[in-house]
N, C-alpha and C. Protein backbone atom coordinates (compact mmCIF):
# COMPACT_ATOMS: atom_id res chain seq x y z
N VAL A 1 -1.42 -18.65 -5.44
CA VAL A 1 -0.95 -17.76 -4.36
C VAL A 1 -1.46 -16.36 -4.63
N GLU A 2 -2.06 -15.77 -3.65
CA GLU A 2 -2.60 -14.44 -3.85
C GLU A 2 -1.55 -13.47 -3.39
N LEU A 3 -0.99 -12.66 -4.36
CA LEU A 3 0.01 -11.70 -4.02
C LEU A 3 -0.55 -10.28 -3.76
N LEU A 4 -1.52 -10.03 -4.50
CA LEU A 4 -2.21 -8.67 -4.43
C LEU A 4 -3.67 -8.78 -3.99
N PRO A 5 -3.97 -8.47 -2.79
CA PRO A 5 -5.37 -8.56 -2.34
C PRO A 5 -6.08 -7.45 -3.05
N THR A 6 -7.30 -7.78 -3.46
CA THR A 6 -8.17 -6.80 -4.15
C THR A 6 -9.43 -6.62 -3.48
N SER A 7 -10.20 -5.56 -3.72
CA SER A 7 -11.42 -5.27 -3.14
C SER A 7 -12.18 -4.33 -4.03
N CYS A 8 -13.42 -4.56 -4.21
CA CYS A 8 -14.28 -3.65 -5.02
C CYS A 8 -14.51 -2.35 -4.22
N MET A 9 -14.23 -2.22 -3.02
CA MET A 9 -14.46 -1.08 -2.21
C MET A 9 -13.28 -0.15 -2.07
N ARG A 10 -12.07 -0.67 -2.20
CA ARG A 10 -10.88 0.13 -1.92
C ARG A 10 -9.78 -0.17 -2.90
N ALA A 11 -8.90 0.83 -3.14
CA ALA A 11 -7.76 0.60 -4.04
C ALA A 11 -6.80 -0.36 -3.40
N CYS A 12 -6.05 -1.13 -4.17
CA CYS A 12 -4.93 -1.80 -3.76
C CYS A 12 -3.72 -1.04 -3.79
N THR A 13 -2.93 -0.88 -2.78
CA THR A 13 -1.75 0.03 -2.86
C THR A 13 -0.52 -0.83 -3.03
N ALA A 14 -0.54 -2.11 -3.16
CA ALA A 14 0.61 -2.87 -3.49
C ALA A 14 0.99 -2.78 -5.01
N THR A 15 2.20 -2.89 -5.29
CA THR A 15 2.70 -2.85 -6.68
C THR A 15 3.71 -3.93 -6.83
N VAL A 16 3.66 -4.74 -7.88
CA VAL A 16 4.63 -5.71 -8.21
C VAL A 16 5.86 -4.93 -8.72
N ILE A 17 7.00 -5.07 -8.07
CA ILE A 17 8.17 -4.33 -8.54
C ILE A 17 8.98 -5.27 -9.49
N GLU A 18 9.10 -6.50 -9.14
CA GLU A 18 9.92 -7.45 -9.94
C GLU A 18 9.33 -8.86 -9.83
N LEU A 19 9.15 -9.51 -10.96
CA LEU A 19 8.58 -10.84 -10.99
C LEU A 19 9.62 -11.63 -11.78
N VAL A 20 10.18 -12.73 -11.03
CA VAL A 20 11.19 -13.60 -11.59
C VAL A 20 10.71 -15.01 -11.46
N TRP A 21 10.83 -15.82 -12.50
CA TRP A 21 10.48 -17.22 -12.42
C TRP A 21 11.75 -18.04 -12.48
N ARG A 22 11.96 -18.85 -11.45
CA ARG A 22 13.23 -19.71 -11.43
C ARG A 22 12.81 -21.10 -11.94
N GLU A 23 13.59 -21.65 -12.87
CA GLU A 23 13.24 -22.95 -13.36
C GLU A 23 13.40 -23.95 -12.30
N ARG A 24 14.38 -23.77 -11.41
CA ARG A 24 14.62 -24.77 -10.32
C ARG A 24 14.87 -24.01 -9.07
N ALA A 25 14.35 -24.44 -8.04
CA ALA A 25 14.69 -23.83 -6.69
C ALA A 25 15.94 -24.45 -6.20
N PRO A 26 16.76 -23.59 -5.49
CA PRO A 26 18.01 -24.07 -5.02
C PRO A 26 17.92 -25.29 -4.05
N CYS A 27 16.93 -25.38 -3.31
CA CYS A 27 16.87 -26.49 -2.35
C CYS A 27 15.52 -27.13 -2.08
N ASP A 28 14.45 -26.36 -1.94
CA ASP A 28 13.25 -26.96 -1.40
C ASP A 28 11.97 -26.74 -2.26
N ASP A 29 12.11 -26.71 -3.56
CA ASP A 29 11.01 -26.62 -4.53
C ASP A 29 10.16 -25.30 -4.33
N GLU A 30 10.73 -24.24 -3.66
CA GLU A 30 10.05 -23.04 -3.60
C GLU A 30 10.34 -22.23 -4.91
N LEU A 31 9.31 -22.04 -5.75
CA LEU A 31 9.49 -21.39 -6.95
C LEU A 31 9.04 -20.01 -7.13
N CYS A 32 8.24 -19.56 -6.16
CA CYS A 32 7.65 -18.25 -6.21
C CYS A 32 7.87 -17.59 -4.89
N GLU A 33 8.33 -16.40 -4.89
CA GLU A 33 8.67 -15.71 -3.73
C GLU A 33 8.37 -14.15 -3.87
N ALA A 34 7.87 -13.61 -2.82
CA ALA A 34 7.57 -12.14 -2.89
C ALA A 34 7.82 -11.48 -1.64
N THR A 35 8.23 -10.25 -1.56
CA THR A 35 8.30 -9.44 -0.34
C THR A 35 7.43 -8.31 -0.53
N ILE A 36 6.51 -8.18 0.43
CA ILE A 36 5.53 -7.11 0.45
C ILE A 36 5.94 -6.12 1.51
N GLN A 37 6.07 -4.83 1.17
CA GLN A 37 6.40 -3.80 2.11
C GLN A 37 5.41 -2.69 2.10
N ILE A 38 5.05 -2.32 3.43
CA ILE A 38 4.13 -1.26 3.62
C ILE A 38 4.93 0.06 3.68
N VAL A 39 4.39 1.13 3.04
CA VAL A 39 4.95 2.41 2.95
C VAL A 39 5.45 2.83 4.29
N ASP A 40 6.62 3.58 4.39
CA ASP A 40 7.06 4.03 5.69
C ASP A 40 6.27 5.27 6.10
N ARG A 41 6.32 5.50 7.46
CA ARG A 41 5.54 6.54 8.04
C ARG A 41 5.84 7.90 7.47
N LEU A 42 7.12 8.19 7.25
CA LEU A 42 7.57 9.62 6.78
C LEU A 42 6.90 9.85 5.36
N HIS A 43 7.01 8.79 4.47
CA HIS A 43 6.50 8.98 3.17
C HIS A 43 4.98 9.12 3.16
N PHE A 44 4.28 8.33 4.07
CA PHE A 44 2.82 8.50 4.15
C PHE A 44 2.44 9.80 4.70
N GLU A 45 3.17 10.29 5.63
CA GLU A 45 2.88 11.63 6.24
C GLU A 45 3.05 12.75 5.16
N SER A 46 4.12 12.56 4.40
CA SER A 46 4.36 13.61 3.27
C SER A 46 3.20 13.57 2.33
N ASP A 47 2.71 12.37 1.93
CA ASP A 47 1.50 12.27 1.11
C ASP A 47 0.25 12.91 1.66
N VAL A 48 0.05 12.69 3.01
CA VAL A 48 -1.12 13.23 3.70
C VAL A 48 -0.99 14.78 3.64
N LYS A 49 0.16 15.33 4.00
CA LYS A 49 0.31 16.80 4.03
C LYS A 49 0.07 17.40 2.65
N GLU A 50 0.41 16.87 1.60
CA GLU A 50 0.30 17.27 0.26
C GLU A 50 -1.19 17.15 -0.02
N LEU A 51 -1.91 16.10 0.40
CA LEU A 51 -3.33 16.10 0.14
C LEU A 51 -4.13 17.07 0.88
N ILE A 52 -3.76 17.38 2.14
CA ILE A 52 -4.43 18.34 2.91
C ILE A 52 -4.25 19.72 2.24
N GLU A 53 -3.09 20.10 1.75
CA GLU A 53 -2.87 21.32 1.00
C GLU A 53 -3.81 21.34 -0.20
N ALA A 54 -4.10 20.29 -0.82
CA ALA A 54 -4.97 20.21 -2.03
C ALA A 54 -6.49 20.08 -1.63
N GLY A 55 -6.77 20.13 -0.37
CA GLY A 55 -8.16 20.02 0.09
C GLY A 55 -8.71 18.55 0.20
N CYS A 56 -7.77 17.67 0.12
CA CYS A 56 -8.20 16.25 0.22
C CYS A 56 -9.18 15.80 -0.89
N LYS A 57 -9.15 16.52 -2.01
CA LYS A 57 -10.09 16.29 -3.07
C LYS A 57 -9.44 15.26 -4.02
N GLU A 58 -10.27 14.44 -4.65
CA GLU A 58 -9.77 13.49 -5.71
C GLU A 58 -9.15 14.38 -6.87
N PRO A 59 -7.97 14.00 -7.37
CA PRO A 59 -7.33 14.81 -8.42
C PRO A 59 -8.16 14.77 -9.76
N ALA A 60 -8.08 15.91 -10.50
CA ALA A 60 -8.72 15.92 -11.79
C ALA A 60 -8.13 14.93 -12.74
N SER A 61 -8.83 14.54 -13.72
CA SER A 61 -8.39 13.46 -14.57
C SER A 61 -7.09 13.82 -15.33
N GLY A 62 -6.86 15.05 -15.44
CA GLY A 62 -5.55 15.49 -16.15
C GLY A 62 -4.31 15.66 -15.27
N ALA A 63 -4.53 15.48 -13.98
CA ALA A 63 -3.44 15.60 -13.03
C ALA A 63 -2.30 14.57 -13.29
N PRO A 64 -1.08 14.87 -12.98
CA PRO A 64 0.00 13.94 -13.06
C PRO A 64 -0.30 12.55 -12.47
N PRO A 65 0.30 11.45 -12.93
CA PRO A 65 -0.01 10.21 -12.36
C PRO A 65 0.42 10.04 -10.89
N GLU A 66 1.51 10.70 -10.51
CA GLU A 66 1.99 10.64 -9.09
C GLU A 66 0.98 11.27 -8.17
N VAL A 67 0.14 12.22 -8.64
CA VAL A 67 -0.88 12.88 -7.83
C VAL A 67 -1.94 11.86 -7.59
N HIS A 68 -2.34 11.19 -8.64
CA HIS A 68 -3.45 10.09 -8.53
C HIS A 68 -2.89 9.01 -7.56
N GLU A 69 -1.62 8.58 -7.76
CA GLU A 69 -1.09 7.61 -6.91
C GLU A 69 -1.16 7.89 -5.43
N ARG A 70 -0.73 9.21 -5.16
CA ARG A 70 -0.72 9.65 -3.73
C ARG A 70 -2.09 9.64 -3.18
N TYR A 71 -3.02 10.16 -3.88
CA TYR A 71 -4.47 10.16 -3.41
C TYR A 71 -4.92 8.74 -3.24
N SER A 72 -4.72 7.86 -4.20
CA SER A 72 -5.23 6.48 -4.05
C SER A 72 -4.54 5.72 -2.90
N ARG A 73 -3.26 6.01 -2.63
CA ARG A 73 -2.50 5.31 -1.55
C ARG A 73 -3.05 5.75 -0.19
N VAL A 74 -3.22 7.01 0.01
CA VAL A 74 -3.85 7.54 1.26
C VAL A 74 -5.31 7.23 1.51
N LYS A 75 -6.05 7.32 0.43
CA LYS A 75 -7.54 7.08 0.48
C LYS A 75 -7.76 5.59 0.77
N SER A 76 -6.86 4.66 0.24
CA SER A 76 -7.05 3.27 0.46
C SER A 76 -6.87 2.84 1.89
N VAL A 77 -6.03 3.63 2.62
CA VAL A 77 -5.81 3.36 4.10
C VAL A 77 -6.81 4.06 4.92
N LEU A 78 -7.05 5.35 4.64
CA LEU A 78 -7.95 6.11 5.48
C LEU A 78 -9.43 6.10 5.14
N GLY A 79 -9.71 5.77 3.91
CA GLY A 79 -11.17 5.72 3.43
C GLY A 79 -11.84 7.07 3.75
N ASP A 80 -12.99 7.01 4.41
CA ASP A 80 -13.73 8.19 4.67
C ASP A 80 -13.18 9.12 5.74
N ASP A 81 -12.10 8.67 6.38
CA ASP A 81 -11.44 9.43 7.47
C ASP A 81 -10.56 10.51 6.76
N LEU A 82 -10.38 10.43 5.49
CA LEU A 82 -9.50 11.49 4.77
C LEU A 82 -10.33 12.74 4.78
N ASP A 83 -9.90 13.73 5.58
CA ASP A 83 -10.65 14.94 5.80
C ASP A 83 -9.71 16.15 5.96
N ALA A 84 -9.79 17.13 5.09
CA ALA A 84 -8.92 18.27 5.09
C ALA A 84 -9.01 19.08 6.42
N SER A 85 -10.11 18.89 7.23
CA SER A 85 -10.23 19.64 8.46
C SER A 85 -9.40 18.98 9.59
N LYS A 86 -8.92 17.77 9.29
CA LYS A 86 -8.10 17.10 10.40
C LYS A 86 -6.57 17.49 10.10
N SER A 87 -5.80 17.41 11.14
CA SER A 87 -4.38 17.60 10.98
C SER A 87 -3.68 16.46 10.41
N ALA A 88 -2.54 16.70 9.77
CA ALA A 88 -1.81 15.56 9.15
C ALA A 88 -1.42 14.51 10.26
N GLN A 89 -1.08 15.06 11.48
CA GLN A 89 -0.73 14.12 12.49
C GLN A 89 -1.95 13.23 12.93
N ASP A 90 -3.11 13.80 12.97
CA ASP A 90 -4.28 13.01 13.30
C ASP A 90 -4.57 11.95 12.33
N LEU A 91 -4.42 12.29 11.02
CA LEU A 91 -4.69 11.40 9.94
C LEU A 91 -3.59 10.25 9.95
N VAL A 92 -2.34 10.57 10.16
CA VAL A 92 -1.32 9.48 10.20
C VAL A 92 -1.54 8.60 11.44
N THR A 93 -1.95 9.19 12.53
CA THR A 93 -2.26 8.42 13.67
C THR A 93 -3.46 7.38 13.36
N ALA A 94 -4.47 7.94 12.74
CA ALA A 94 -5.61 7.11 12.34
C ALA A 94 -5.22 5.92 11.46
N ALA A 95 -4.27 6.27 10.43
CA ALA A 95 -3.78 5.26 9.49
C ALA A 95 -2.96 4.17 10.30
N ALA A 96 -2.11 4.63 11.14
CA ALA A 96 -1.39 3.70 12.00
C ALA A 96 -2.24 2.77 12.82
N SER A 97 -3.41 3.28 13.30
CA SER A 97 -4.34 2.47 14.04
C SER A 97 -5.05 1.46 13.09
N GLN A 98 -5.33 1.85 11.83
CA GLN A 98 -6.00 0.89 10.99
C GLN A 98 -4.99 -0.11 10.53
N LEU A 99 -3.67 0.25 10.42
CA LEU A 99 -2.68 -0.77 9.98
C LEU A 99 -2.47 -1.76 11.11
N GLN A 100 -2.51 -1.15 12.30
CA GLN A 100 -2.34 -2.06 13.53
C GLN A 100 -3.51 -3.01 13.63
N ALA A 101 -4.67 -2.59 13.35
CA ALA A 101 -5.84 -3.48 13.40
C ALA A 101 -5.73 -4.65 12.41
N LEU A 102 -4.98 -4.35 11.32
CA LEU A 102 -4.74 -5.44 10.31
C LEU A 102 -3.57 -6.27 10.60
N GLY A 103 -2.89 -6.03 11.72
CA GLY A 103 -1.69 -6.68 12.20
C GLY A 103 -0.41 -6.38 11.50
N THR A 104 -0.38 -5.12 11.07
CA THR A 104 0.93 -4.62 10.40
C THR A 104 1.19 -3.22 10.87
N SER A 105 2.17 -2.57 10.33
CA SER A 105 2.56 -1.29 10.66
C SER A 105 3.26 -0.58 9.59
N PHE A 106 3.48 0.79 9.59
CA PHE A 106 4.26 1.46 8.53
C PHE A 106 5.63 0.92 8.51
N GLY A 107 6.12 0.57 7.19
CA GLY A 107 7.52 0.15 7.03
C GLY A 107 7.68 -1.37 7.17
N ALA A 108 6.64 -2.04 7.61
CA ALA A 108 6.75 -3.48 7.81
C ALA A 108 6.82 -4.16 6.44
N SER A 109 7.46 -5.34 6.52
CA SER A 109 7.47 -6.17 5.34
C SER A 109 7.24 -7.65 5.64
N LYS A 110 6.79 -8.34 4.64
CA LYS A 110 6.45 -9.66 4.82
C LYS A 110 6.98 -10.52 3.62
N LYS A 111 7.64 -11.58 3.76
CA LYS A 111 8.08 -12.45 2.72
C LYS A 111 7.18 -13.65 2.63
N ILE A 112 6.69 -13.93 1.44
CA ILE A 112 5.83 -15.01 1.17
C ILE A 112 6.43 -15.80 0.04
N THR A 113 6.20 -17.11 0.15
CA THR A 113 6.70 -18.06 -0.89
C THR A 113 5.57 -19.08 -1.22
N ALA A 114 5.62 -19.69 -2.36
CA ALA A 114 4.68 -20.66 -2.77
C ALA A 114 5.43 -21.89 -3.33
N PRO A 115 5.12 -23.08 -2.88
CA PRO A 115 5.76 -24.26 -3.39
C PRO A 115 5.37 -24.54 -4.82
N SER A 116 6.16 -25.34 -5.46
CA SER A 116 5.87 -25.73 -6.88
C SER A 116 4.54 -26.29 -6.95
N GLY A 117 3.79 -25.93 -7.99
CA GLY A 117 2.45 -26.34 -8.29
C GLY A 117 1.37 -25.46 -7.74
N GLN A 118 1.76 -24.60 -6.80
CA GLN A 118 0.85 -23.66 -6.20
C GLN A 118 0.92 -22.19 -6.67
N ALA A 119 2.10 -21.99 -7.39
CA ALA A 119 2.33 -20.67 -7.83
C ALA A 119 1.51 -20.35 -9.11
């Protein structure tokens, strides 16, 4: 089961929060389960505003980890559209369009499971 899609071109913004292995499933042999949630719009907009204030530049290597996380999260959605000359609202709208093209939206979540032997 593929829980975290990867790409050599873009950062993966998903993070495993909790991983639990059940010896037995309660009913139907489902042994692996995950819920994937897309960042909510207000959190993403806050990240974009902070990046615009910083000139949308990649953080220096000594910057705090949360600054690198913020940059990677926004850059992975917007790619080359991340531009300090654009407004935060325009960038958030562009991100929403990209997520919609992928069949998802801000704040959406998806539960996935894998039967025994496929996990």
